[in-house]
Amino acid sequence: MPSRAQQNTPHATLAADLAALASEPTSEKRLELLRRITDAYIDQGDRCTAAEQYLFNEVVSQLLDKVSSAGRATASEKLSKLKSLPVELASRLAADGDIAVARPMIRDYGPLPERILLDVSMTASQEHLHAIAARPLVTPPVSDVVVKRGDRNTIQTLAANRGAQFSDFGMQRLIDKSEGDSELQELIVARTDLSLTAIGRLLPLISDELASRLRATAGSVDDAAVAKHVGEWAADRQKNSARTDAYIEGIRTGDLNPNDIIGELVSGKRLLDAATVLAAIVGLDRFYTFNLLTSGKIHSALLLLRAVGLSWTVVDAFIKLRIAKAGLYDYETPPVRDDYEAIAPEAAQRVVRFMKVRRTAKAS
């Protein structure tokens, strides 16, 4: 039997409170015990054993559905200050439909995993998105979703957040959304992480006053540097276009293998050129094909790639490039080789023929 000293240790108290909490039938006492056990857990911090963490997560997660929103909000506010929290419990609170419960966990709990933020940002309310936009750190995958789904207030909060990071695609979408919105433009101009590409895209949209401010804050980045950058890009684009035309001709004559060519373009991160070659092979418009590959449903893209008969190695590389370059992130299980090879090539080719017929009818 444990001694009196052992019975009075914080660990023994926490375990006893957890046991009492699990068996308490009265809602008022449940709430009081929830507050006590939350405080005890916070007081112990890193000293909690793995068993206590597991038990805490199990009991509290079940109890959260049985207490009022105010009780859940109080628990969330306290727990969001911890350095470590069971992932399941953090996810449960961050995804709560009541923003008063979810906000503290979303906004203040630093270790909240990116995948949880992605799940919440894809499905939750504008209030949840706004809480995400105000986090001290917002990673590019998360900010991309917030820019896509957020309302004006949320996007402005994100643009003003110096801890928000953007992919090239996310920044491009943010700038596109600023057209006609001088307040958002001003917030973007004030950012210190604008690339030359972003500056070049922003300049035609903003007022002379904001353009002057942008040039002043850009330091060594002036009009000449932007012009040089654009000129180099145009020259590279012209070379790539000529090379792509040669690839298409070689495939048509049978001198080149589509799998080799698409694989080379994908490895070189030339997504538009890869789409151009694919479009020529199947007889579709290249911009329609590009949109289908980069922003359409992943299954539609797989159908197109299967119709051409590309190997899984090339397809897997394309999926990774689609995510990295187009700024798209799959929130479900990513396609695997079995998913791709389960698509019958003949069925994929029929779908592509249907696409062509539909595009022709639409144009007519």
Protein backbone atom coordinates (compact mmCIF):
# COMPACT_ATOMS: atom_id res chain seq x y z
CA MET A 1 0.00 0.00 0.00
CA PRO A 2 1.41 3.44 -0.94
CA SER A 3 2.63 5.64 1.90
CA ARG A 4 0.94 8.94 2.88
CA ALA A 5 3.77 10.84 1.11
CA GLN A 6 3.23 8.87 -2.09
CA GLN A 7 -0.49 9.48 -1.93
CA ASN A 8 0.08 13.23 -1.82
CA THR A 9 2.45 13.50 -4.79
CA PRO A 10 1.27 15.53 -7.82
CA HIS A 11 1.28 12.36 -9.94
CA ALA A 12 -0.97 10.52 -7.47
CA THR A 13 -3.30 13.52 -7.29
CA LEU A 14 -3.50 13.75 -11.08
CA ALA A 15 -4.22 10.04 -11.46
CA ALA A 16 -6.88 10.16 -8.73
CA ASP A 17 -8.57 13.19 -10.29
CA LEU A 18 -8.56 11.47 -13.68
CA ALA A 19 -10.24 8.42 -12.23
CA ALA A 20 -12.84 10.57 -10.47
CA LEU A 21 -13.43 12.59 -13.62
CA ALA A 22 -14.09 9.48 -15.66
CA SER A 23 -16.80 8.27 -13.27
CA GLU A 24 -18.46 11.59 -12.36
CA PRO A 25 -22.16 11.62 -13.49
CA THR A 26 -23.02 15.23 -12.56
CA SER A 27 -22.45 17.85 -15.27
CA GLU A 28 -21.59 20.64 -12.81
CA LYS A 29 -19.03 18.46 -11.05
CA ARG A 30 -17.67 17.30 -14.40
CA LEU A 31 -16.94 20.92 -15.28
CA GLU A 32 -15.32 21.58 -11.93
CA LEU A 33 -13.20 18.43 -12.23
CA LEU A 34 -12.28 19.38 -15.80
CA ARG A 35 -10.93 22.68 -14.51
CA ARG A 36 -9.03 20.95 -11.71
CA ILE A 37 -7.51 18.28 -13.91
CA THR A 38 -6.56 20.85 -16.56
CA ASP A 39 -4.81 22.94 -13.93
CA ALA A 40 -3.06 19.87 -12.52
CA TYR A 41 -1.90 18.82 -15.99
CA ILE A 42 -0.59 22.32 -16.70
CA ASP A 43 1.21 22.45 -13.34
CA GLN A 44 3.03 19.19 -14.04
CA GLY A 45 3.93 20.08 -17.63
CA ASP A 46 6.78 17.93 -18.93
CA ARG A 47 6.79 15.84 -15.75
CA CYS A 48 3.64 13.95 -16.80
CA THR A 49 4.27 10.30 -17.54
CA ALA A 50 3.26 8.75 -20.85
CA ALA A 51 0.49 6.85 -19.08
CA GLU A 52 -0.87 10.05 -17.53
CA GLN A 53 -0.80 11.82 -20.90
CA TYR A 54 -2.69 8.95 -22.48
CA LEU A 55 -5.26 8.83 -19.69
CA PHE A 56 -5.66 12.62 -19.73
CA ASN A 57 -6.30 12.57 -23.49
CA GLU A 58 -8.79 9.70 -23.24
CA VAL A 59 -10.83 11.12 -20.37
CA VAL A 60 -10.82 14.79 -21.39
CA SER A 61 -11.61 14.04 -25.05
CA GLN A 62 -14.72 12.11 -23.99
CA LEU A 63 -15.73 14.75 -21.48
CA LEU A 64 -15.48 17.70 -23.90
CA ASP A 65 -18.70 16.62 -25.59
CA LYS A 66 -20.51 16.62 -22.25
CA VAL A 67 -19.66 20.09 -20.96
CA SER A 68 -20.81 23.50 -22.14
CA SER A 69 -19.08 25.56 -24.82
CA ALA A 70 -17.86 27.88 -22.09
CA GLY A 71 -16.22 24.96 -20.29
CA ARG A 72 -14.54 23.78 -23.48
CA ALA A 73 -13.38 27.32 -24.24
CA THR A 74 -11.85 27.66 -20.76
CA ALA A 75 -10.00 24.37 -21.15
CA SER A 76 -8.79 25.33 -24.63
CA GLU A 77 -7.54 28.70 -23.41
CA LYS A 78 -5.51 27.09 -20.63
CA LEU A 79 -4.20 24.15 -22.65
CA SER A 80 -3.13 26.33 -25.59
CA LYS A 81 -0.37 27.79 -23.39
CA LEU A 82 1.33 24.40 -22.92
CA LYS A 83 4.55 23.42 -24.65
CA SER A 84 3.24 19.92 -25.28
CA LEU A 85 -0.22 18.43 -25.59
CA PRO A 86 -1.59 15.10 -26.87
CA VAL A 87 -2.08 15.55 -30.61
CA GLU A 88 -5.58 14.04 -30.58
CA LEU A 89 -6.74 16.50 -27.96
CA ALA A 90 -5.19 19.50 -29.72
CA SER A 91 -6.86 18.43 -32.96
CA ARG A 92 -10.22 17.98 -31.22
CA LEU A 93 -10.13 21.50 -29.77
CA ALA A 94 -8.78 23.19 -32.94
CA ALA A 95 -11.55 21.63 -35.05
CA ASP A 96 -14.35 22.51 -32.62
CA GLY A 97 -17.25 24.16 -34.41
CA ASP A 98 -17.46 26.83 -31.71
CA ILE A 99 -14.81 29.41 -32.58
CA ALA A 100 -14.51 30.44 -28.91
CA VAL A 101 -13.22 26.92 -28.26
CA ALA A 102 -11.11 26.56 -31.39
CA ARG A 103 -9.51 30.03 -31.50
CA PRO A 104 -7.09 29.69 -28.55
CA MET A 105 -5.79 26.36 -29.80
CA ILE A 106 -5.48 27.51 -33.43
CA ARG A 107 -3.98 30.91 -32.70
CA ASP A 108 -1.80 30.28 -29.64
CA TYR A 109 -0.71 26.64 -29.53
CA GLY A 110 2.64 26.74 -31.35
CA PRO A 111 3.25 22.98 -31.75
CA LEU A 112 -0.11 22.42 -33.49
CA PRO A 113 0.85 20.13 -36.41
CA GLU A 114 0.62 21.53 -39.93
CA ARG A 115 -1.63 18.68 -41.04
CA ILE A 116 -4.24 19.67 -38.44
CA LEU A 117 -4.12 23.29 -39.59
CA LEU A 118 -4.55 22.10 -43.18
CA ASP A 119 -7.58 19.98 -42.27
CA VAL A 120 -9.18 22.87 -40.37
CA SER A 121 -8.40 25.44 -43.08
CA MET A 122 -9.99 23.24 -45.76
CA THR A 123 -13.34 22.81 -44.05
CA ALA A 124 -13.87 25.25 -41.18
CA SER A 125 -15.52 28.68 -41.02
CA GLN A 126 -14.12 32.08 -41.90
CA GLU A 127 -13.60 32.71 -38.18
CA HIS A 128 -11.39 29.63 -37.99
CA LEU A 129 -9.49 30.79 -41.08
CA HIS A 130 -9.00 34.21 -39.51
CA ALA A 131 -7.53 32.60 -36.38
CA ILE A 132 -5.13 30.63 -38.57
CA ALA A 133 -4.15 33.80 -40.45
CA ALA A 134 -3.19 35.42 -37.14
CA ARG A 135 -0.83 32.63 -35.97
CA PRO A 136 2.76 33.68 -35.27
CA LEU A 137 3.84 31.25 -38.00
CA VAL A 138 1.79 30.22 -41.03
CA THR A 139 3.57 27.81 -43.36
CA PRO A 140 3.19 27.99 -47.18
CA PRO A 141 0.83 24.99 -47.51
CA VAL A 142 -1.51 26.53 -44.95
CA SER A 143 -1.30 30.10 -46.26
CA ASP A 144 -2.10 28.84 -49.77
CA VAL A 145 -5.41 27.43 -48.52
CA VAL A 146 -6.20 30.55 -46.48
CA VAL A 147 -5.63 32.77 -49.53
CA LYS A 148 -7.87 30.52 -51.60
CA ARG A 149 -10.75 30.26 -49.11
CA GLY A 150 -10.43 33.36 -46.97
CA ASP A 151 -12.66 36.41 -47.13
CA ARG A 152 -11.28 39.94 -47.46
CA ASN A 153 -10.74 40.42 -43.73
CA THR A 154 -8.93 37.10 -43.36
CA ILE A 155 -6.70 37.69 -46.38
CA GLN A 156 -5.78 41.17 -45.15
CA THR A 157 -4.85 39.71 -41.76
CA LEU A 158 -2.68 37.11 -43.46
CA ALA A 159 -0.99 39.70 -45.71
CA ALA A 160 -0.20 41.87 -42.66
CA ASN A 161 1.23 38.91 -40.73
CA ARG A 162 5.03 38.94 -40.93
CA GLY A 163 5.04 35.34 -39.75
CA ALA A 164 3.03 34.20 -42.78
CA GLN A 165 5.06 32.43 -45.44
CA PHE A 166 3.90 32.02 -49.05
CA SER A 167 4.70 29.69 -51.90
CA ASP A 168 5.21 31.34 -55.30
CA PHE A 169 1.73 30.19 -56.26
CA GLY A 170 0.21 31.50 -53.03
CA MET A 171 1.83 34.91 -53.43
CA GLN A 172 0.64 35.04 -57.02
CA ARG A 173 -2.92 34.33 -55.92
CA LEU A 174 -2.64 36.91 -53.13
CA ILE A 175 -1.53 39.57 -55.62
CA ASP A 176 -4.29 38.61 -58.05
CA LYS A 177 -6.85 39.06 -55.28
CA SER A 178 -5.48 42.53 -54.54
CA GLU A 179 -6.60 43.90 -57.90
CA GLY A 180 -8.89 46.83 -57.14
CA ASP A 181 -8.25 46.52 -53.39
CA SER A 182 -5.87 49.34 -52.42
CA GLU A 183 -5.81 48.32 -48.74
CA LEU A 184 -4.64 44.80 -49.55
CA GLN A 185 -2.13 46.18 -52.06
CA GLU A 186 -0.67 48.44 -49.38
CA LEU A 187 -0.26 45.47 -47.03
CA ILE A 188 1.50 43.44 -49.73
CA VAL A 189 3.80 46.33 -50.66
CA ALA A 190 4.88 46.56 -47.00
CA ARG A 191 6.03 42.93 -46.96
CA THR A 192 9.77 42.23 -47.01
CA ASP A 193 9.59 38.80 -48.67
CA LEU A 194 8.50 39.84 -52.17
CA SER A 195 10.44 38.15 -54.96
CA LEU A 196 11.30 39.82 -58.27
CA THR A 197 8.51 37.84 -59.88
CA ALA A 198 6.02 39.06 -57.28
CA ILE A 199 7.17 42.66 -57.68
CA GLY A 200 6.81 42.44 -61.45
CA ARG A 201 3.29 41.09 -61.08
CA LEU A 202 2.33 43.70 -58.49
CA LEU A 203 3.63 46.85 -60.21
CA PRO A 204 0.96 47.04 -62.97
CA LEU A 205 -1.85 46.80 -60.39
CA ILE A 206 -0.86 49.46 -57.87
CA SER A 207 -0.94 53.26 -57.78
CA ASP A 208 2.09 55.42 -58.58
CA GLU A 209 2.40 56.26 -54.89
CA LEU A 210 2.49 52.58 -53.86
CA ALA A 211 4.86 51.80 -56.75
CA SER A 212 7.25 54.46 -55.47
CA ARG A 213 7.02 53.02 -51.98
CA LEU A 214 7.64 49.53 -53.32
CA ARG A 215 10.76 50.67 -55.18
CA ALA A 216 11.99 52.48 -52.07
CA THR A 217 11.57 49.44 -49.81
CA ALA A 218 12.95 47.03 -52.39
CA GLY A 219 16.48 48.36 -51.85
CA SER A 220 18.63 47.25 -54.73
CA VAL A 221 15.65 46.02 -56.70
CA ASP A 222 14.90 48.75 -59.23
CA ASP A 223 13.18 48.93 -62.60
CA ALA A 224 16.39 47.99 -64.40
CA ALA A 225 16.76 44.85 -62.29
CA VAL A 226 13.15 43.90 -62.92
CA ALA A 227 13.56 44.52 -66.66
CA LYS A 228 16.72 42.39 -66.70
CA HIS A 229 14.94 39.60 -64.86
CA VAL A 230 11.98 39.69 -67.26
CA GLY A 231 14.33 39.78 -70.25
CA GLU A 232 16.22 36.71 -69.05
CA TRP A 233 12.97 34.91 -68.40
CA ALA A 234 11.67 35.73 -71.90
CA ALA A 235 14.87 34.44 -73.52
CA ASP A 236 14.68 31.19 -71.57
CA ARG A 237 11.01 30.86 -72.42
CA GLN A 238 11.77 31.25 -76.13
CA LYS A 239 14.47 28.58 -75.99
CA ASN A 240 12.18 26.20 -74.10
CA SER A 241 9.35 26.79 -76.58
CA ALA A 242 11.60 25.97 -79.54
CA ARG A 243 12.86 22.84 -77.80
CA THR A 244 9.30 21.80 -76.95
CA ASP A 245 8.24 22.17 -80.59
CA ALA A 246 11.13 19.91 -81.58
CA TYR A 247 10.06 17.35 -78.98
CA ILE A 248 6.51 17.32 -80.32
CA GLU A 249 7.73 16.84 -83.88
CA GLY A 250 10.02 14.00 -82.78
CA ILE A 251 7.15 12.24 -81.02
CA ARG A 252 4.91 12.62 -84.08
CA THR A 253 7.54 11.04 -86.35
CA GLY A 254 8.19 8.25 -83.87
CA ASP A 255 11.82 9.28 -83.25
CA LEU A 256 11.20 10.19 -79.61
CA ASN A 257 9.45 8.34 -76.79
CA PRO A 258 6.70 10.35 -75.01
CA ASN A 259 7.58 8.75 -71.68
CA ASP A 260 11.22 9.88 -71.98
CA ILE A 261 10.32 13.41 -73.06
CA ILE A 262 7.64 14.01 -70.43
CA GLY A 263 9.95 12.52 -67.80
CA GLU A 264 12.74 14.92 -68.82
CA LEU A 265 10.41 17.96 -68.73
CA VAL A 266 8.98 17.01 -65.35
CA SER A 267 12.48 16.42 -63.94
CA GLY A 268 13.42 19.88 -65.20
CA LYS A 269 10.34 21.33 -63.48
CA ARG A 270 8.98 22.56 -66.82
CA LEU A 271 5.33 21.98 -66.07
CA LEU A 272 3.92 24.19 -68.86
CA ASP A 273 6.16 22.53 -71.47
CA ALA A 274 5.14 19.08 -70.23
CA ALA A 275 1.49 20.11 -70.57
CA THR A 276 2.17 21.43 -74.09
CA VAL A 277 3.64 18.12 -75.20
CA LEU A 278 0.81 16.13 -73.62
CA ALA A 279 -1.76 18.40 -75.26
CA ALA A 280 -0.17 17.83 -78.67
CA ILE A 281 -0.19 14.06 -78.18
CA VAL A 282 -3.88 13.83 -77.27
CA GLY A 283 -5.11 16.74 -79.41
CA LEU A 284 -6.28 19.10 -76.68
CA ASP A 285 -5.69 22.81 -76.18
CA ARG A 286 -2.47 23.29 -74.20
CA PHE A 287 -3.87 25.81 -71.73
CA TYR A 288 -6.88 23.60 -71.05
CA THR A 289 -4.48 20.70 -70.54
CA PHE A 290 -2.27 22.79 -68.26
CA ASN A 291 -5.26 23.79 -66.11
CA LEU A 292 -6.42 20.17 -65.99
CA LEU A 293 -2.99 18.98 -64.86
CA THR A 294 -2.27 21.72 -62.33
CA SER A 295 -5.60 22.74 -60.83
CA GLY A 296 -8.07 20.02 -61.80
CA LYS A 297 -8.98 16.97 -59.75
CA ILE A 298 -5.99 14.68 -59.34
CA HIS A 299 -7.99 11.77 -60.79
CA SER A 300 -8.63 13.73 -63.99
CA ALA A 301 -4.90 14.40 -64.31
CA LEU A 302 -4.16 10.70 -63.77
CA LEU A 303 -6.64 9.77 -66.51
CA LEU A 304 -4.86 12.04 -68.96
CA LEU A 305 -1.43 10.67 -68.05
CA ARG A 306 -2.70 7.09 -68.26
CA ALA A 307 -4.20 7.74 -71.70
CA VAL A 308 -0.73 8.67 -72.95
CA GLY A 309 0.74 5.54 -71.36
CA LEU A 310 3.27 7.17 -69.05
CA SER A 311 5.15 5.04 -66.53
CA TRP A 312 4.48 5.31 -62.82
CA THR A 313 7.97 6.76 -62.26
CA VAL A 314 7.10 9.74 -64.46
CA VAL A 315 3.61 10.06 -62.98
CA ASP A 316 4.94 10.00 -59.41
CA ALA A 317 7.44 12.75 -60.32
CA PHE A 318 4.60 14.76 -61.88
CA ILE A 319 2.47 14.51 -58.71
CA LYS A 320 5.37 15.83 -56.63
CA LEU A 321 5.96 18.67 -59.10
CA ARG A 322 2.25 19.55 -59.15
CA ILE A 323 2.34 19.94 -55.38
CA ALA A 324 5.60 21.89 -55.24
CA LYS A 325 5.21 24.19 -58.24
CA ALA A 326 1.49 24.69 -58.60
CA GLY A 327 0.97 25.17 -54.88
CA LEU A 328 -1.59 22.38 -54.60
CA TYR A 329 -1.64 20.07 -51.63
CA ASP A 330 -3.51 16.78 -51.40
CA TYR A 331 -5.33 16.35 -48.10
CA GLU A 332 -6.35 12.79 -48.77
CA THR A 333 -4.07 9.79 -49.21
CA PRO A 334 -1.80 10.59 -52.20
CA PRO A 335 -2.25 8.36 -55.26
CA VAL A 336 0.00 5.32 -55.34
CA ARG A 337 1.14 3.04 -58.13
CA ASP A 338 -1.77 0.62 -57.65
CA ASP A 339 -4.27 3.50 -58.00
CA TYR A 340 -2.70 4.59 -61.27
CA GLU A 341 -2.29 1.15 -62.80
CA ALA A 342 -5.87 0.24 -61.87
CA ILE A 343 -7.02 2.75 -64.51
CA ALA A 344 -7.53 0.88 -67.78
CA PRO A 345 -5.66 2.67 -70.61
CA GLU A 346 -8.59 2.12 -73.00
CA ALA A 347 -11.01 3.70 -70.53
CA ALA A 348 -8.67 6.66 -70.03
CA GLN A 349 -8.42 7.15 -73.79
CA ARG A 350 -12.22 7.12 -74.10
CA VAL A 351 -12.43 9.85 -71.44
CA VAL A 352 -9.91 11.96 -73.36
CA ARG A 353 -11.91 11.53 -76.56
CA PHE A 354 -15.00 12.67 -74.69
CA MET A 355 -13.08 15.72 -73.45
CA LYS A 356 -12.19 16.60 -77.04
CA VAL A 357 -15.77 16.24 -78.23
CA ARG A 358 -17.08 18.35 -75.37
CA ARG A 359 -14.44 21.05 -75.98
CA THR A 360 -15.30 21.14 -79.68
CA ALA A 361 -19.03 21.38 -78.97
CA LYS A 362 -18.46 24.13 -76.44
CA ALA A 363 -16.35 26.12 -78.90
CA SER A 364 -19.07 25.76 -81.55
